[in-house]
Amino acid sequence: MSILVVPSLDEEPWPTLGGQVCAWIEANLTFGPGDLRGQPAKLDAEKRALIYRAYEVFPRGVERAGRRRFKRVAISLRKGSAKTELAAWLAAAELHPRAPVRCIGWDKKGNPLGGPVNDPFIPVVAYTEEQSEELCYGALKTILEHSKVARDFDIGMERIMRVRGDGKALAVSTAPGPRDGARTTFQVFDETHRFVLPRLRKAHQTMLANMPKRKASDAWSLETTTAPAPGENSVAEQTMHYAQAVHEGRVRDSRLFFFHRQADDGHKLDTPEDIRAAVLEASGPVGAWSDVDAIVEQWNDPSADKTFLERVWLNRMVRASERAFDVARWAELARPDHVVPAGALITAGFDGSRTNDSTGIVCTEVETGYMWLAQGWEKPEGVEEWEVPQAEVEAAMEDLFDRFDVWRLYADPPYWETVTAGWAGKFGDAEWLDVAGESKTGPRVALFPTNRHRKMADATRAFANAIADGSLTHSGDAALARHVANAHRKDLTQKDDDGAPLWVVTKDRPGSPQKIDFAVAGILSWEARRAALTEGARPDGPSIYDQRAAAGVEAIDAW
């Protein structure tokens, strides 16, 4: 077993409110969403130990007597370890008007006595607004609704208040405003391995800087995560590197408590027995109630992303460059019931080859960010030689421009130079009114060579960020999902402004049968939508949409 703890576990124990906090949780709260929903809360040995450390205070007789030892706590455990539930339990205690979460005095033996926070303000941060209900805030809401202390709160969808109004927790996906930020007494960052967007990293920095503003309330911050993917520059990765620097003595920070448990890096994964042992090693106490057999069976799927499984179930920091995009997150964004109306303003991407490869047309609705595979062609199994049917491709493209108002098609030209030139001439220019009411024109068909790496890297990162923050949704098409899953990451030598490597997508190996053309077409389609928004193209225009709407053309399914 491999555990990184900052500071070391070898030191003498400090005074702590942890026992009182644990007792309060188990006496008053319940389990959150899941199989044990509504049943009395029960802490395993590891979570109990983490709470004891998180609530250590300076001993009596020193300058900071009774003040919190740690201002920043970060916990990294494998998927399914109920990290979110732990954070929600602590948020409930920090919010309650009688929970023992701050030292208010000492007993005769010199042990700290706990009391509540005065007027607590608790932002609970998720990586997207849409995920707030599924992560810590949603767990907190469910726990309090079923708890013995439910009557002490006014519980809403986006905020939970003490009934007297003197304290609240709220769901946020960015930093609170200056006024609210200055009031923070406790804050939670949940699933920080997903905090990869610049705005989320900035929010994290800003909110950590807010901690000293309420000295009397002894504010602190909690981060929970699964092992981050190296190279994504997520908040979790930054925290991991920072903790390692503290552990190695390169940085001095006595106010940080960091805990990370994983399967040892040297543990082999050659057999089911090896994998099972590694999962148990990474699990700690949660292995006793986890379905370890079901976890191990995931390695038997030949299409499974083994590096993803290793990262989430063994909590190892393994390179995400094996896969370009978060496959599980992509699946969460499926909206198969969405209907794109005929004549809607859309963008499109086209990528493909001529022989023995795939070719696809992917579209995105400008107004909603909804994406779908308009049509795709893949080499049939068992066929030695195959060529993409050009006539079908051209017919599909004409049908696309007839059904919808295509603001722009980005096309990767190799092997299709003459055809794409013909499309540019046939479909002409788009005309639209921007948000200021000014008339603009631009080509409906534009070339986007994917071998221009810097330009493609910018488009690819925008696509990945859209998946991460949920601004992109899609039809749930299995072929498109497969190509997205097949896309691997190739780092470039160039860096972005934050020093992180720029990257593009590639196949897992040259000549691989695992195709990625539909994913590339999706990237081009999304980049065209970005251009539409930048140019101010209105989602309810231009004239073709208005004409078809006036003619009563019915909505059609998104192909």
Protein backbone atom coordinates (compact mmCIF):
# COMPACT_ATOMS: atom_id res chain seq x y z
CA MET A 1 0.00 0.00 0.00
CA SER A 2 1.25 3.49 -0.83
CA ILE A 3 0.11 6.45 1.27
CA LEU A 4 1.33 10.02 1.12
CA VAL A 5 0.45 11.99 4.24
CA VAL A 6 1.47 15.55 5.00
CA PRO A 7 2.41 16.00 7.80
CA SER A 8 3.78 12.61 8.81
CA LEU A 9 1.75 10.16 10.87
CA ASP A 10 4.77 9.52 13.09
CA GLU A 11 4.44 12.68 15.18
CA GLU A 12 2.86 12.94 18.61
CA PRO A 13 -0.95 13.43 18.50
CA TRP A 14 -2.33 16.94 18.78
CA PRO A 15 -5.45 18.00 20.68
CA THR A 16 -8.45 17.52 18.41
CA LEU A 17 -12.17 18.12 18.20
CA GLY A 18 -12.35 15.10 15.88
CA GLY A 19 -13.98 12.77 18.39
CA GLN A 20 -16.73 15.27 19.15
CA VAL A 21 -17.32 15.93 15.43
CA CYS A 22 -17.50 12.19 14.67
CA ALA A 23 -19.94 11.63 17.53
CA TRP A 24 -22.12 14.51 16.32
CA ILE A 25 -22.19 13.16 12.75
CA GLU A 26 -23.18 9.66 13.81
CA ALA A 27 -25.78 10.93 16.28
CA ASN A 28 -27.50 13.36 13.92
CA LEU A 29 -26.86 12.63 10.25
CA THR A 30 -27.64 9.95 7.69
CA PHE A 31 -26.07 8.46 4.62
CA GLY A 32 -26.65 10.39 1.40
CA PRO A 33 -27.83 9.23 -2.05
CA GLY A 34 -27.26 5.53 -2.69
CA ASP A 35 -28.08 2.14 -1.22
CA LEU A 36 -27.90 3.42 2.38
CA ARG A 37 -29.83 6.64 1.77
CA GLY A 38 -31.51 7.85 4.94
CA GLN A 39 -29.90 5.30 7.24
CA PRO A 40 -27.90 6.55 10.26
CA ALA A 41 -24.41 7.77 9.37
CA LYS A 42 -21.55 5.41 10.26
CA LEU A 43 -17.89 6.37 9.86
CA ASP A 44 -15.29 3.78 8.90
CA ALA A 45 -11.92 3.79 10.63
CA GLU A 46 -10.14 5.76 7.93
CA LYS A 47 -12.72 8.55 7.70
CA ARG A 48 -12.78 8.77 11.48
CA ALA A 49 -8.99 9.16 11.47
CA LEU A 50 -9.19 11.81 8.73
CA ILE A 51 -11.70 13.82 10.75
CA TYR A 52 -9.50 13.56 13.84
CA ARG A 53 -6.57 15.01 11.87
CA ALA A 54 -8.67 17.66 10.09
CA TYR A 55 -9.92 19.03 13.44
CA GLU A 56 -6.62 19.18 15.30
CA VAL A 57 -6.09 22.40 17.26
CA PHE A 58 -3.11 24.09 18.87
CA PRO A 59 -2.65 22.97 22.48
CA ARG A 60 -3.43 25.03 25.54
CA GLY A 61 -0.62 27.31 26.65
CA VAL A 62 0.69 28.34 23.22
CA GLU A 63 0.00 31.54 21.28
CA ARG A 64 -2.58 29.94 18.97
CA ALA A 65 -4.20 27.78 21.63
CA GLY A 66 -7.52 26.38 20.42
CA ARG A 67 -7.09 27.63 16.85
CA ARG A 68 -7.30 25.15 13.97
CA ARG A 69 -3.99 23.54 13.09
CA PHE A 70 -4.85 23.06 9.41
CA LYS A 71 -6.37 25.72 7.15
CA ARG A 72 -6.28 23.54 4.03
CA VAL A 73 -7.22 19.85 3.95
CA ALA A 74 -7.02 17.71 0.80
CA ILE A 75 -8.13 14.07 0.59
CA SER A 76 -7.41 11.80 -2.40
CA LEU A 77 -9.15 8.40 -2.40
CA ARG A 78 -10.23 6.01 -5.10
CA LYS A 79 -13.60 6.18 -6.80
CA GLY A 80 -16.48 4.86 -4.72
CA SER A 81 -14.89 5.75 -1.37
CA ALA A 82 -17.74 8.08 -0.34
CA LYS A 83 -15.45 11.14 -0.36
CA THR A 84 -18.35 13.35 -1.40
CA GLU A 85 -20.46 12.03 1.46
CA LEU A 86 -17.64 12.74 3.92
CA ALA A 87 -17.39 16.33 2.66
CA ALA A 88 -21.17 16.70 2.98
CA TRP A 89 -21.13 15.42 6.57
CA LEU A 90 -18.46 17.96 7.47
CA ALA A 91 -20.37 20.74 5.70
CA ALA A 92 -23.49 19.81 7.70
CA ALA A 93 -21.54 19.98 10.95
CA GLU A 94 -19.91 23.28 10.00
CA LEU A 95 -23.33 24.75 9.21
CA HIS A 96 -25.27 23.51 12.25
CA PRO A 97 -25.95 25.99 15.08
CA ARG A 98 -24.85 23.56 17.82
CA ALA A 99 -22.22 21.26 16.28
CA PRO A 100 -18.81 21.12 18.04
CA VAL A 101 -16.59 22.31 15.17
CA ARG A 102 -14.55 25.13 16.83
CA CYS A 103 -12.68 25.17 20.11
CA ILE A 104 -14.55 27.29 22.68
CA GLY A 105 -12.61 26.21 25.75
CA TRP A 106 -10.89 23.35 27.59
CA ASP A 107 -11.96 20.68 30.03
CA LYS A 108 -10.11 19.87 33.28
CA LYS A 109 -7.83 17.39 31.48
CA GLY A 110 -6.77 19.96 28.90
CA ASN A 111 -8.91 18.59 26.08
CA PRO A 112 -10.60 21.08 23.72
CA LEU A 113 -14.34 21.68 23.97
CA GLY A 114 -16.26 22.24 20.75
CA GLY A 115 -18.93 24.73 19.77
CA PRO A 116 -20.55 26.09 16.59
CA VAL A 117 -19.44 28.72 14.11
CA ASN A 118 -21.16 32.09 14.35
CA ASP A 119 -22.94 32.99 11.08
CA PRO A 120 -21.23 30.37 8.87
CA PHE A 121 -20.95 30.88 5.12
CA ILE A 122 -20.12 27.69 3.21
CA PRO A 123 -19.64 27.67 -0.58
CA VAL A 124 -19.73 24.15 -2.00
CA VAL A 125 -17.94 24.18 -5.34
CA ALA A 126 -18.58 21.73 -8.18
CA TYR A 127 -16.83 21.76 -11.57
CA THR A 128 -20.07 22.69 -13.34
CA GLU A 129 -23.30 24.20 -12.13
CA GLU A 130 -25.20 21.21 -13.51
CA GLN A 131 -23.16 18.80 -11.36
CA SER A 132 -23.84 20.61 -8.07
CA GLU A 133 -26.89 18.48 -7.29
CA GLU A 134 -24.99 15.25 -7.99
CA LEU A 135 -21.91 16.12 -5.97
CA CYS A 136 -21.37 17.51 -2.48
CA TYR A 137 -24.21 20.01 -2.36
CA GLY A 138 -26.72 17.42 -3.54
CA ALA A 139 -25.43 14.96 -0.94
CA LEU A 140 -25.64 17.63 1.77
CA LYS A 141 -29.21 18.44 0.81
CA THR A 142 -30.29 14.78 0.90
CA ILE A 143 -28.48 14.10 4.18
CA LEU A 144 -30.05 17.06 5.96
CA GLU A 145 -33.54 16.30 4.61
CA HIS A 146 -33.37 12.83 6.20
CA SER A 147 -31.53 13.83 9.36
CA LYS A 148 -32.63 14.46 12.93
CA VAL A 149 -31.59 18.11 12.52
CA ALA A 150 -33.68 18.81 9.41
CA ARG A 151 -35.90 21.26 11.32
CA ASP A 152 -32.89 23.44 12.03
CA PHE A 153 -32.58 24.34 8.33
CA ASP A 154 -34.47 25.92 5.45
CA ILE A 155 -33.37 23.58 2.65
CA GLY A 156 -33.48 24.78 -0.97
CA MET A 157 -32.20 23.62 -4.34
CA GLU A 158 -29.29 26.07 -4.40
CA ARG A 159 -28.87 27.13 -0.78
CA ILE A 160 -29.41 25.74 2.73
CA MET A 161 -29.91 28.22 5.57
CA ARG A 162 -30.20 28.02 9.29
CA VAL A 163 -33.84 28.65 10.16
CA ARG A 164 -32.85 31.85 11.95
CA GLY A 165 -31.06 33.08 8.83
CA ASP A 166 -27.69 33.37 10.54
CA GLY A 167 -25.71 31.06 8.28
CA LYS A 168 -25.96 29.26 4.95
CA ALA A 169 -24.35 26.85 2.50
CA LEU A 170 -24.76 27.30 -1.23
CA ALA A 171 -23.87 25.50 -4.43
CA VAL A 172 -21.47 27.36 -6.72
CA SER A 173 -19.39 26.56 -9.79
CA THR A 174 -17.03 29.52 -9.50
CA ALA A 175 -15.74 31.86 -6.82
CA PRO A 176 -18.37 33.76 -4.77
CA GLY A 177 -18.48 37.51 -5.28
CA PRO A 178 -16.22 39.78 -3.19
CA ARG A 179 -18.87 40.31 -0.49
CA ASP A 180 -19.77 36.65 -0.03
CA GLY A 181 -16.16 35.52 -0.49
CA ALA A 182 -15.12 37.64 2.45
CA ARG A 183 -17.66 35.83 4.66
CA THR A 184 -16.45 32.27 4.02
CA THR A 185 -15.96 30.09 7.11
CA PHE A 186 -15.62 26.69 5.42
CA GLN A 187 -15.53 25.70 1.77
CA VAL A 188 -15.60 22.47 -0.18
CA PHE A 189 -14.05 21.75 -3.58
CA ASP A 190 -15.43 18.41 -4.74
CA GLU A 191 -13.86 16.25 -7.49
CA THR A 192 -10.92 18.61 -8.02
CA HIS A 193 -9.37 16.33 -10.66
CA ARG A 194 -12.10 17.79 -12.89
CA PHE A 195 -11.11 21.39 -12.11
CA VAL A 196 -9.11 21.81 -15.33
CA LEU A 197 -10.63 25.01 -16.73
CA PRO A 198 -8.80 28.30 -16.12
CA ARG A 199 -11.87 29.80 -14.41
CA LEU A 200 -11.97 26.91 -11.92
CA ARG A 201 -8.26 27.13 -11.15
CA LYS A 202 -8.66 30.87 -10.68
CA ALA A 203 -11.70 30.37 -8.42
CA HIS A 204 -9.70 27.93 -6.30
CA GLN A 205 -6.84 30.41 -5.89
CA THR A 206 -9.20 33.28 -5.10
CA MET A 207 -11.14 31.28 -2.51
CA LEU A 208 -8.00 30.05 -0.76
CA ALA A 209 -6.90 33.67 -0.54
CA ASN A 210 -10.22 34.49 1.20
CA MET A 211 -9.50 32.19 4.13
CA PRO A 212 -7.79 34.79 6.41
CA LYS A 213 -10.64 37.30 6.06
CA ARG A 214 -12.70 35.89 8.95
CA LYS A 215 -10.10 35.36 11.63
CA ALA A 216 -12.55 34.85 14.47
CA SER A 217 -14.35 32.03 12.65
CA ASP A 218 -11.05 30.19 11.94
CA ALA A 219 -12.03 29.48 8.32
CA TRP A 220 -10.69 26.45 6.43
CA SER A 221 -10.91 24.67 3.10
CA LEU A 222 -11.51 21.03 2.09
CA GLU A 223 -10.63 19.42 -1.26
CA THR A 224 -11.74 15.91 -2.22
CA THR A 225 -10.61 14.07 -5.33
CA THR A 226 -9.65 10.89 -7.10
CA ALA A 227 -6.09 10.74 -8.43
CA PRO A 228 -5.68 13.40 -11.14
CA ALA A 229 -4.47 12.70 -14.65
CA PRO A 230 -0.94 14.08 -15.09
CA GLY A 231 -0.59 16.90 -17.58
CA GLU A 232 -4.10 18.29 -17.26
CA ASN A 233 -2.95 20.94 -14.76
CA SER A 234 -6.06 20.36 -12.65
CA VAL A 235 -6.46 21.74 -9.15
CA ALA A 236 -5.98 18.20 -7.83
CA GLU A 237 -2.71 17.82 -9.73
CA GLN A 238 -1.48 21.19 -8.49
CA THR A 239 -2.36 20.26 -4.91
CA MET A 240 -0.63 16.88 -5.27
CA HIS A 241 2.59 18.52 -6.49
CA TYR A 242 2.39 21.11 -3.72
CA ALA A 243 1.94 18.42 -1.06
CA GLN A 244 4.91 16.50 -2.46
CA ALA A 245 7.01 19.66 -2.26
CA VAL A 246 6.00 20.10 1.38
CA HIS A 247 6.70 16.43 2.10
CA GLU A 248 10.18 16.70 0.56
CA GLY A 249 10.99 19.90 2.43
CA ARG A 250 11.15 22.08 -0.69
CA VAL A 251 8.21 24.16 0.61
CA ARG A 252 7.30 24.88 4.21
CA ASP A 253 3.56 24.89 4.96
CA SER A 254 2.50 23.78 8.42
CA ARG A 255 -1.17 24.57 7.73
CA LEU A 256 -1.67 21.84 5.08
CA PHE A 257 -3.05 18.37 5.78
CA PHE A 258 -2.91 16.09 2.72
CA PHE A 259 -3.88 12.41 2.50
CA HIS A 260 -3.55 10.20 -0.59
CA ARG A 261 -4.04 6.41 -0.68
CA GLN A 262 -3.30 4.28 -3.76
CA ALA A 263 -2.20 0.83 -4.86
CA ASP A 264 1.58 0.70 -4.83
CA ASP A 265 3.18 1.75 -8.14
CA GLY A 266 5.09 -1.52 -8.26
CA HIS A 267 1.96 -3.64 -7.97
CA LYS A 268 1.50 -5.80 -11.08
CA LEU A 269 -1.81 -5.99 -12.94
CA ASP A 270 -1.17 -9.10 -15.04
CA THR A 271 -3.88 -11.36 -13.63
CA PRO A 272 -7.34 -10.95 -12.07
CA GLU A 273 -5.75 -11.88 -8.75
CA ASP A 274 -3.20 -9.09 -9.16
CA ILE A 275 -5.92 -6.59 -9.98
CA ARG A 276 -8.09 -7.68 -7.07
CA ALA A 277 -5.20 -7.30 -4.65
CA ALA A 278 -4.42 -3.85 -6.05
CA VAL A 279 -8.03 -2.72 -5.74
CA LEU A 280 -8.17 -3.89 -2.11
CA GLU A 281 -4.85 -2.19 -1.44
CA ALA A 282 -6.17 1.13 -2.80
CA SER A 283 -9.51 0.74 -1.03
CA GLY A 284 -8.59 0.65 2.61
CA PRO A 285 -11.67 0.15 4.83
CA VAL A 286 -14.12 0.76 1.97
CA GLY A 287 -13.00 -2.54 0.43
CA ALA A 288 -15.13 -4.32 3.04
CA TRP A 289 -18.36 -2.98 1.54
CA SER A 290 -17.34 -2.47 -2.10
CA ASP A 291 -18.26 -4.85 -4.92
CA VAL A 292 -14.63 -5.66 -5.62
CA ASP A 293 -15.50 -8.48 -8.05
CA ALA A 294 -17.50 -6.09 -10.25
CA ILE A 295 -14.61 -3.62 -10.22
CA VAL A 296 -12.11 -6.30 -11.25
CA GLU A 297 -14.39 -7.52 -14.05
CA GLN A 298 -14.11 -4.14 -15.77
CA TRP A 299 -10.52 -5.03 -16.74
CA ASN A 300 -11.90 -7.98 -18.77
CA ASP A 301 -13.61 -5.70 -21.29
CA PRO A 302 -11.21 -5.51 -24.28
CA SER A 303 -12.48 -2.03 -25.15
CA ALA A 304 -12.01 -0.71 -21.59
CA ASP A 305 -9.66 2.20 -21.00
CA LYS A 306 -7.21 0.45 -18.68
CA THR A 307 -5.47 3.68 -17.71
CA PHE A 308 -8.81 5.18 -16.69
CA LEU A 309 -9.58 2.11 -14.57
CA GLU A 310 -6.15 2.28 -12.98
CA ARG A 311 -6.58 5.94 -12.14
CA VAL A 312 -10.09 5.79 -10.66
CA TRP A 313 -10.01 2.37 -8.94
CA LEU A 314 -6.33 2.16 -7.91
CA ASN A 315 -6.00 5.93 -7.39
CA ARG A 316 -2.75 6.03 -9.32
CA MET A 317 -1.67 9.13 -11.22
CA VAL A 318 -1.40 7.56 -14.67
CA ARG A 319 -1.09 9.62 -17.80
CA ALA A 320 -4.33 10.73 -19.39
CA SER A 321 -2.47 10.95 -22.69
CA GLU A 322 -3.63 7.38 -23.27
CA ARG A 323 -7.08 8.81 -23.93
CA ALA A 324 -7.82 12.34 -25.06
CA PHE A 325 -11.25 12.76 -23.52
CA ASP A 326 -13.11 11.73 -20.38
CA VAL A 327 -15.25 8.86 -21.67
CA ALA A 328 -17.39 8.66 -18.54
CA ARG A 329 -18.08 12.39 -18.69
CA TRP A 330 -19.01 12.11 -22.39
CA ALA A 331 -21.61 9.49 -21.51
CA GLU A 332 -23.10 11.79 -18.87
CA LEU A 333 -23.73 14.47 -21.51
CA ALA A 334 -26.01 12.37 -23.73
CA ARG A 335 -29.40 14.00 -24.40
CA PRO A 336 -31.05 11.53 -26.81
CA ASP A 337 -34.49 13.16 -26.51
CA HIS A 338 -33.37 16.57 -27.72
CA VAL A 339 -34.87 17.67 -31.05
CA VAL A 340 -33.18 20.15 -33.39
CA PRO A 341 -35.81 22.12 -35.34
CA ALA A 342 -35.70 22.22 -39.11
CA GLY A 343 -33.92 25.33 -40.28
CA ALA A 344 -32.07 25.83 -36.99
CA LEU A 345 -28.74 27.64 -37.09
CA ILE A 346 -26.03 24.98 -36.91
CA THR A 347 -22.36 24.43 -37.61
CA ALA A 348 -20.74 21.32 -39.05
CA GLY A 349 -17.41 19.53 -39.23
CA PHE A 350 -16.21 17.16 -41.94
CA ASP A 351 -13.26 14.77 -41.64
CA GLY A 352 -12.32 11.61 -43.40
CA SER A 353 -10.28 9.70 -45.89
CA ARG A 354 -10.89 7.98 -49.20
CA THR A 355 -10.04 4.30 -48.66
CA ASN A 356 -10.01 1.88 -45.74
CA ASP A 357 -10.82 4.57 -43.20
CA SER A 358 -13.84 6.46 -41.86
CA THR A 359 -15.50 9.69 -42.90
CA GLY A 360 -18.01 11.67 -40.88
CA ILE A 361 -20.18 14.78 -40.80
CA VAL A 362 -20.86 16.06 -37.30
CA CYS A 363 -23.19 18.96 -36.52
CA THR A 364 -23.72 21.30 -33.58
CA GLU A 365 -26.76 23.44 -32.84
CA VAL A 366 -25.46 26.97 -32.22
CA GLU A 367 -28.12 27.90 -29.67
CA THR A 368 -27.73 24.89 -27.36
CA GLY A 369 -24.33 23.36 -28.05
CA TYR A 370 -26.06 20.07 -28.89
CA MET A 371 -23.96 17.81 -31.16
CA TRP A 372 -24.88 14.86 -33.32
CA LEU A 373 -23.40 12.63 -36.00
CA ALA A 374 -25.28 13.66 -39.14
CA GLN A 375 -23.87 10.77 -41.11
CA GLY A 376 -20.82 8.55 -40.97
CA TRP A 377 -19.18 5.97 -43.17
CA GLU A 378 -16.95 3.22 -41.77
CA LYS A 379 -15.19 0.37 -43.50
CA PRO A 380 -17.37 -2.76 -43.14
CA GLU A 381 -15.88 -5.69 -41.25
CA GLY A 382 -14.45 -8.46 -43.40
CA VAL A 383 -13.94 -6.23 -46.44
CA GLU A 384 -10.38 -6.11 -47.78
CA GLU A 385 -10.58 -2.97 -49.88
CA TRP A 386 -13.17 -0.27 -49.44
CA GLU A 387 -13.67 3.29 -50.62
CA VAL A 388 -15.84 5.99 -49.08
CA PRO A 389 -18.88 6.45 -51.36
CA GLN A 390 -18.37 10.01 -52.59
CA ALA A 391 -21.85 10.28 -54.07
CA GLU A 392 -23.41 9.47 -50.68
CA VAL A 393 -21.20 12.01 -48.95
CA GLU A 394 -22.17 14.75 -51.41
CA ALA A 395 -25.86 13.85 -51.15
CA ALA A 396 -25.70 13.92 -47.36
CA MET A 397 -24.01 17.32 -47.40
CA GLU A 398 -26.62 18.78 -49.76
CA ASP A 399 -29.39 17.38 -47.58
CA LEU A 400 -27.74 18.92 -44.52
CA PHE A 401 -27.62 22.39 -46.08
CA ASP A 402 -31.22 21.99 -47.25
CA ARG A 403 -32.60 20.93 -43.85
CA PHE A 404 -30.71 23.40 -41.68
CA ASP A 405 -29.23 26.86 -41.79
CA VAL A 406 -25.56 25.88 -41.82
CA TRP A 407 -23.64 28.94 -40.65
CA ARG A 408 -20.30 27.29 -41.33
CA LEU A 409 -18.80 23.93 -42.24
CA TYR A 410 -15.17 23.37 -41.30
CA ALA A 411 -13.67 20.69 -43.52
CA ASP A 412 -10.29 18.97 -43.34
CA PRO A 413 -9.28 19.06 -47.03
CA PRO A 414 -6.85 16.15 -47.70
CA TYR A 415 -8.29 13.72 -50.26
CA TRP A 416 -11.38 15.92 -50.63
CA GLU A 417 -9.91 19.17 -52.01
CA THR A 418 -11.96 19.25 -55.19
CA VAL A 419 -15.18 18.22 -53.44
CA THR A 420 -14.83 20.80 -50.65
CA ALA A 421 -14.03 23.50 -53.23
CA GLY A 422 -17.26 22.55 -54.98
CA TRP A 423 -19.19 22.85 -51.71
CA ALA A 424 -17.74 26.32 -51.13
CA GLY A 425 -18.95 27.43 -54.52
CA LYS A 426 -22.34 25.74 -54.27
CA PHE A 427 -23.32 26.88 -50.79
CA GLY A 428 -21.89 30.40 -51.01
CA ASP A 429 -21.85 32.87 -48.15
CA ALA A 430 -23.86 33.09 -44.96
CA GLU A 431 -25.62 36.36 -44.13
CA TRP A 432 -26.62 37.25 -40.60
CA LEU A 433 -27.32 40.05 -38.20
CA ASP A 434 -25.03 40.14 -35.18
CA VAL A 435 -26.20 41.07 -31.68
CA ALA A 436 -25.72 44.76 -32.52
CA GLY A 437 -28.03 44.43 -35.53
CA GLU A 438 -25.23 44.86 -38.06
CA SER A 439 -25.30 42.83 -41.26
CA LYS A 440 -22.40 40.43 -41.76
CA THR A 441 -21.36 37.85 -44.33
CA GLY A 442 -18.94 34.97 -44.32
CA PRO A 443 -18.23 31.71 -46.19
CA ARG A 444 -20.46 28.78 -45.32
CA VAL A 445 -17.64 26.35 -46.16
CA ALA A 446 -14.10 26.92 -44.88
CA LEU A 447 -11.04 24.69 -44.88
CA PHE A 448 -9.57 23.70 -41.50
CA PRO A 449 -6.39 21.65 -42.02
CA THR A 450 -6.00 19.49 -38.93
CA ASN A 451 -2.24 19.19 -39.52
CA ARG A 452 -1.77 22.81 -38.48
CA HIS A 453 -1.05 21.79 -34.95
CA ARG A 454 -1.31 25.06 -33.02
CA LYS A 455 -4.70 25.88 -34.51
CA MET A 456 -5.93 22.32 -34.05
CA ALA A 457 -4.64 22.24 -30.47
CA ASP A 458 -6.69 25.31 -29.60
CA ALA A 459 -9.79 23.73 -31.13
CA THR A 460 -9.16 20.40 -29.39
CA ARG A 461 -8.72 22.01 -25.99
CA ALA A 462 -11.95 23.98 -26.47
CA PHE A 463 -13.74 20.71 -27.28
CA ALA A 464 -12.26 19.00 -24.20
CA ASN A 465 -13.19 21.96 -21.99
CA ALA A 466 -16.75 21.90 -23.36
CA ILE A 467 -17.01 18.24 -22.32
CA ALA A 468 -15.58 19.05 -18.91
CA ASP A 469 -17.90 21.98 -18.17
CA GLY A 470 -21.00 20.45 -19.78
CA SER A 471 -21.59 23.20 -22.34
CA LEU A 472 -21.53 20.47 -24.99
CA THR A 473 -24.30 17.87 -25.07
CA HIS A 474 -24.92 15.22 -27.70
CA SER A 475 -27.30 12.68 -29.13
CA GLY A 476 -25.74 9.63 -27.48
CA ASP A 477 -24.83 8.14 -30.87
CA ALA A 478 -22.79 4.98 -30.28
CA ALA A 479 -20.47 5.47 -33.27
CA LEU A 480 -19.61 9.03 -32.29
CA ALA A 481 -19.01 7.91 -28.69
CA ARG A 482 -16.71 5.14 -29.90
CA HIS A 483 -14.59 7.55 -31.96
CA VAL A 484 -14.39 9.99 -29.04
CA ALA A 485 -13.25 7.11 -26.80
CA ASN A 486 -10.68 5.98 -29.39
CA ALA A 487 -9.03 9.41 -29.58
CA HIS A 488 -5.64 9.45 -27.86
CA ARG A 489 -3.68 12.48 -26.77
CA LYS A 490 -0.44 13.66 -28.38
CA ASP A 491 1.41 16.40 -26.53
CA LEU A 492 3.09 19.11 -28.61
CA THR A 493 6.26 20.97 -27.80
CA GLN A 494 4.35 24.27 -27.49
CA LYS A 495 2.93 25.35 -24.14
CA ASP A 496 -0.13 27.41 -23.32
CA ASP A 497 -0.06 30.59 -21.26
CA ASP A 498 -0.21 28.58 -18.03
CA GLY A 499 2.74 26.41 -19.03
CA ALA A 500 0.64 23.30 -19.72
CA PRO A 501 1.45 21.39 -22.94
CA LEU A 502 -0.75 21.91 -25.95
CA TRP A 503 -2.01 18.70 -27.49
CA VAL A 504 -3.94 17.21 -30.40
CA VAL A 505 -5.71 13.91 -30.95
CA THR A 506 -4.25 10.88 -32.62
CA LYS A 507 -4.93 7.15 -32.98
CA ASP A 508 -3.55 4.71 -30.44
CA ARG A 509 -1.00 3.61 -33.07
CA PRO A 510 -0.39 4.08 -36.81
CA GLY A 511 -2.75 2.02 -38.90
CA SER A 512 -4.97 1.23 -35.93
CA PRO A 513 -8.47 -0.09 -36.70
CA GLN A 514 -9.77 2.13 -33.89
CA LYS A 515 -10.96 5.15 -35.87
CA ILE A 516 -11.23 8.73 -34.60
CA ASP A 517 -12.57 10.59 -37.66
CA PHE A 518 -16.00 11.31 -36.16
CA ALA A 519 -14.30 12.78 -33.08
CA VAL A 520 -12.18 15.05 -35.29
CA ALA A 521 -15.31 16.13 -37.17
CA GLY A 522 -16.88 16.90 -33.80
CA ILE A 523 -13.91 19.07 -32.84
CA LEU A 524 -14.24 20.99 -36.13
CA SER A 525 -17.99 21.38 -35.65
CA TRP A 526 -17.51 22.74 -32.14
CA GLU A 527 -14.80 25.12 -33.33
CA ALA A 528 -17.18 26.41 -36.00
CA ARG A 529 -19.77 27.03 -33.28
CA ARG A 530 -17.17 28.99 -31.31
CA ALA A 531 -16.60 31.10 -34.41
CA ALA A 532 -20.35 31.63 -34.79
CA LEU A 533 -20.66 32.87 -31.22
CA THR A 534 -17.61 35.09 -31.63
CA GLU A 535 -19.07 36.63 -34.80
CA GLY A 536 -22.40 37.22 -33.08
CA ALA A 537 -24.48 34.91 -35.29
CA ARG A 538 -27.91 34.81 -33.68
CA PRO A 539 -29.32 31.42 -32.71
CA ASP A 540 -32.73 32.48 -34.06
CA GLY A 541 -31.46 33.61 -37.45
CA PRO A 542 -30.68 34.31 -40.14
CA SER A 543 -33.25 34.52 -42.87
CA ILE A 544 -33.48 30.84 -43.84
CA TYR A 545 -34.59 29.86 -40.35
CA ASP A 546 -37.11 32.69 -40.23
CA GLN A 547 -38.54 31.72 -43.60
CA ARG A 548 -38.92 28.07 -42.66
CA ALA A 549 -40.41 28.89 -39.28
CA ALA A 550 -42.92 31.19 -40.98
CA ALA A 551 -43.78 28.39 -43.40
CA GLY A 552 -44.61 26.09 -40.49
CA VAL A 553 -41.89 23.54 -41.14
CA GLU A 554 -42.08 20.95 -38.37
CA ALA A 555 -39.17 20.07 -36.11
CA ILE A 556 -37.27 16.97 -37.10
CA ASP A 557 -35.15 14.64 -35.07
CA ALA A 558 -31.41 15.29 -35.09
CA TRP A 559 -30.78 12.56 -37.68
